[in-house]
Amino acid sequence: MTSDEKLMLEFYRISQGDQTCEIDIRIAAKNIGLKETALKNIVKHLAQANFVVKVGETHVLLTKNGCRFVLEELSL
């Protein structure tokens, strides 16, 4: 599983699939052992792919596409 996939899975776990739940990206990164530099790059790419929406510098929201990705591609 790639770091991107692990992070998306952690976002989903933290939010419990709730698209209105703001997720602190620092906590998610700490939970999976991801460094801050990698975290910022991954979040930028996930936002470009429409899997998350950035809310300020430290929080994101999962999008419908992000939830679908976790459920379908990661087989949950």
C-alpha atoms as a PDB file:
ATOM      1  CA  MET A   1       0.000   0.000   0.000  1.00  0.00           C
ATOM      2  CA  THR A   2       1.407   3.408  -0.951  1.00  0.00           C
ATOM      3  CA  SER A   3       1.713   6.360   1.422  1.00  0.00           C
ATOM      4  CA  ASP A   4      -1.112   8.064  -0.472  1.00  0.00           C
ATOM      5  CA  GLU A   5      -3.389   5.087   0.060  1.00  0.00           C
ATOM      6  CA  LYS A   6      -2.432   4.770   3.723  1.00  0.00           C
ATOM      7  CA  LEU A   7      -3.189   8.463   4.255  1.00  0.00           C
ATOM      8  CA  MET A   8      -6.556   8.232   2.489  1.00  0.00           C
ATOM      9  CA  LEU A   9      -7.429   5.181   4.580  1.00  0.00           C
ATOM     10  CA  GLU A  10      -6.457   7.053   7.753  1.00  0.00           C
ATOM     11  CA  PHE A  11      -8.524  10.094   6.709  1.00  0.00           C
ATOM     12  CA  TYR A  12     -11.498   7.796   6.180  1.00  0.00           C
ATOM     13  CA  ARG A  13     -10.927   6.047   9.515  1.00  0.00           C
ATOM     14  CA  ILE A  14     -10.696   9.341  11.407  1.00  0.00           C
ATOM     15  CA  SER A  15     -13.765  10.837   9.732  1.00  0.00           C
ATOM     16  CA  GLN A  16     -15.681   7.541   9.734  1.00  0.00           C
ATOM     17  CA  GLY A  17     -16.727   8.384   6.180  1.00  0.00           C
ATOM     18  CA  ASP A  18     -18.368  11.669   7.222  1.00  0.00           C
ATOM     19  CA  GLN A  19     -17.704  14.239   4.491  1.00  0.00           C
ATOM     20  CA  THR A  20     -18.449  17.117   6.882  1.00  0.00           C
ATOM     21  CA  CYS A  21     -15.793  16.062   9.407  1.00  0.00           C
ATOM     22  CA  GLU A  22     -12.662  18.230   9.314  1.00  0.00           C
ATOM     23  CA  ILE A  23      -9.579  16.028   9.577  1.00  0.00           C
ATOM     24  CA  ASP A  24      -6.343  17.285  11.113  1.00  0.00           C
ATOM     25  CA  ILE A  25      -3.719  16.120   8.632  1.00  0.00           C
ATOM     26  CA  ARG A  26      -0.957  16.240  11.258  1.00  0.00           C
ATOM     27  CA  ILE A  27      -2.726  13.677  13.437  1.00  0.00           C
ATOM     28  CA  ALA A  28      -3.382  11.400  10.460  1.00  0.00           C
ATOM     29  CA  ALA A  29       0.274  11.643   9.399  1.00  0.00           C
ATOM     30  CA  LYS A  30       1.483  10.863  12.913  1.00  0.00           C
ATOM     31  CA  ASN A  31      -0.811   7.823  13.080  1.00  0.00           C
ATOM     32  CA  ILE A  32       0.774   6.306   9.970  1.00  0.00           C
ATOM     33  CA  GLY A  33       4.337   7.567  10.517  1.00  0.00           C
ATOM     34  CA  LEU A  34       4.423  10.052   7.639  1.00  0.00           C
ATOM     35  CA  LYS A  35       6.838  12.996   7.687  1.00  0.00           C
ATOM     36  CA  GLU A  36       5.585  16.569   7.280  1.00  0.00           C
ATOM     37  CA  THR A  37       7.265  17.211   3.930  1.00  0.00           C
ATOM     38  CA  ALA A  38       5.752  14.091   2.393  1.00  0.00           C
ATOM     39  CA  LEU A  39       2.408  14.904   3.997  1.00  0.00           C
ATOM     40  CA  LYS A  40       2.180  18.331   2.370  1.00  0.00           C
ATOM     41  CA  ASN A  41       3.016  16.927  -1.070  1.00  0.00           C
ATOM     42  CA  ILE A  42       0.541  14.075  -0.785  1.00  0.00           C
ATOM     43  CA  VAL A  43      -2.281  16.345   0.442  1.00  0.00           C
ATOM     44  CA  LYS A  44      -1.597  18.718  -2.464  1.00  0.00           C
ATOM     45  CA  HIS A  45      -1.907  15.853  -4.947  1.00  0.00           C
ATOM     46  CA  LEU A  46      -4.986  14.393  -3.257  1.00  0.00           C
ATOM     47  CA  ALA A  47      -6.647  17.824  -3.502  1.00  0.00           C
ATOM     48  CA  GLN A  48      -5.749  18.064  -7.195  1.00  0.00           C
ATOM     49  CA  ALA A  49      -7.278  14.615  -7.725  1.00  0.00           C
ATOM     50  CA  ASN A  50     -10.466  15.792  -5.966  1.00  0.00           C
ATOM     51  CA  PHE A  51     -10.154  13.256  -3.132  1.00  0.00           C
ATOM     52  CA  VAL A  52      -9.908  15.908  -0.413  1.00  0.00           C
ATOM     53  CA  VAL A  53     -10.658  19.613  -0.003  1.00  0.00           C
ATOM     54  CA  LYS A  54      -8.150  21.657   1.951  1.00  0.00           C
ATOM     55  CA  VAL A  55      -9.551  23.651   4.872  1.00  0.00           C
ATOM     56  CA  GLY A  56      -6.744  25.964   5.877  1.00  0.00           C
ATOM     57  CA  GLU A  57      -3.216  24.663   6.261  1.00  0.00           C
ATOM     58  CA  THR A  58      -3.842  21.792   8.662  1.00  0.00           C
ATOM     59  CA  HIS A  59      -7.271  20.355   7.907  1.00  0.00           C
ATOM     60  CA  VAL A  60      -9.019  18.607   5.027  1.00  0.00           C
ATOM     61  CA  LEU A  61     -12.461  17.276   4.196  1.00  0.00           C
ATOM     62  CA  LEU A  62     -12.977  14.037   2.309  1.00  0.00           C
ATOM     63  CA  THR A  63     -14.901  14.435  -0.929  1.00  0.00           C
ATOM     64  CA  LYS A  64     -17.429  12.013  -2.354  1.00  0.00           C
ATOM     65  CA  ASN A  65     -14.689  10.827  -4.744  1.00  0.00           C
ATOM     66  CA  GLY A  66     -12.314  10.337  -1.824  1.00  0.00           C
ATOM     67  CA  CYS A  67     -14.812   8.200   0.067  1.00  0.00           C
ATOM     68  CA  ARG A  68     -15.578   6.206  -3.075  1.00  0.00           C
ATOM     69  CA  PHE A  69     -11.849   5.618  -3.644  1.00  0.00           C
ATOM     70  CA  VAL A  70     -11.372   4.241  -0.147  1.00  0.00           C
ATOM     71  CA  LEU A  71     -14.427   2.018  -0.337  1.00  0.00           C
ATOM     72  CA  GLU A  72     -13.872   0.680  -3.872  1.00  0.00           C
ATOM     73  CA  GLU A  73     -10.147   0.758  -4.544  1.00  0.00           C
ATOM     74  CA  LEU A  74      -9.012  -0.190  -1.059  1.00  0.00           C
ATOM     75  CA  SER A  75     -11.758  -2.819  -0.762  1.00  0.00           C
ATOM     76  CA  LEU A  76     -13.406  -1.765   2.476  1.00  0.00           C
END
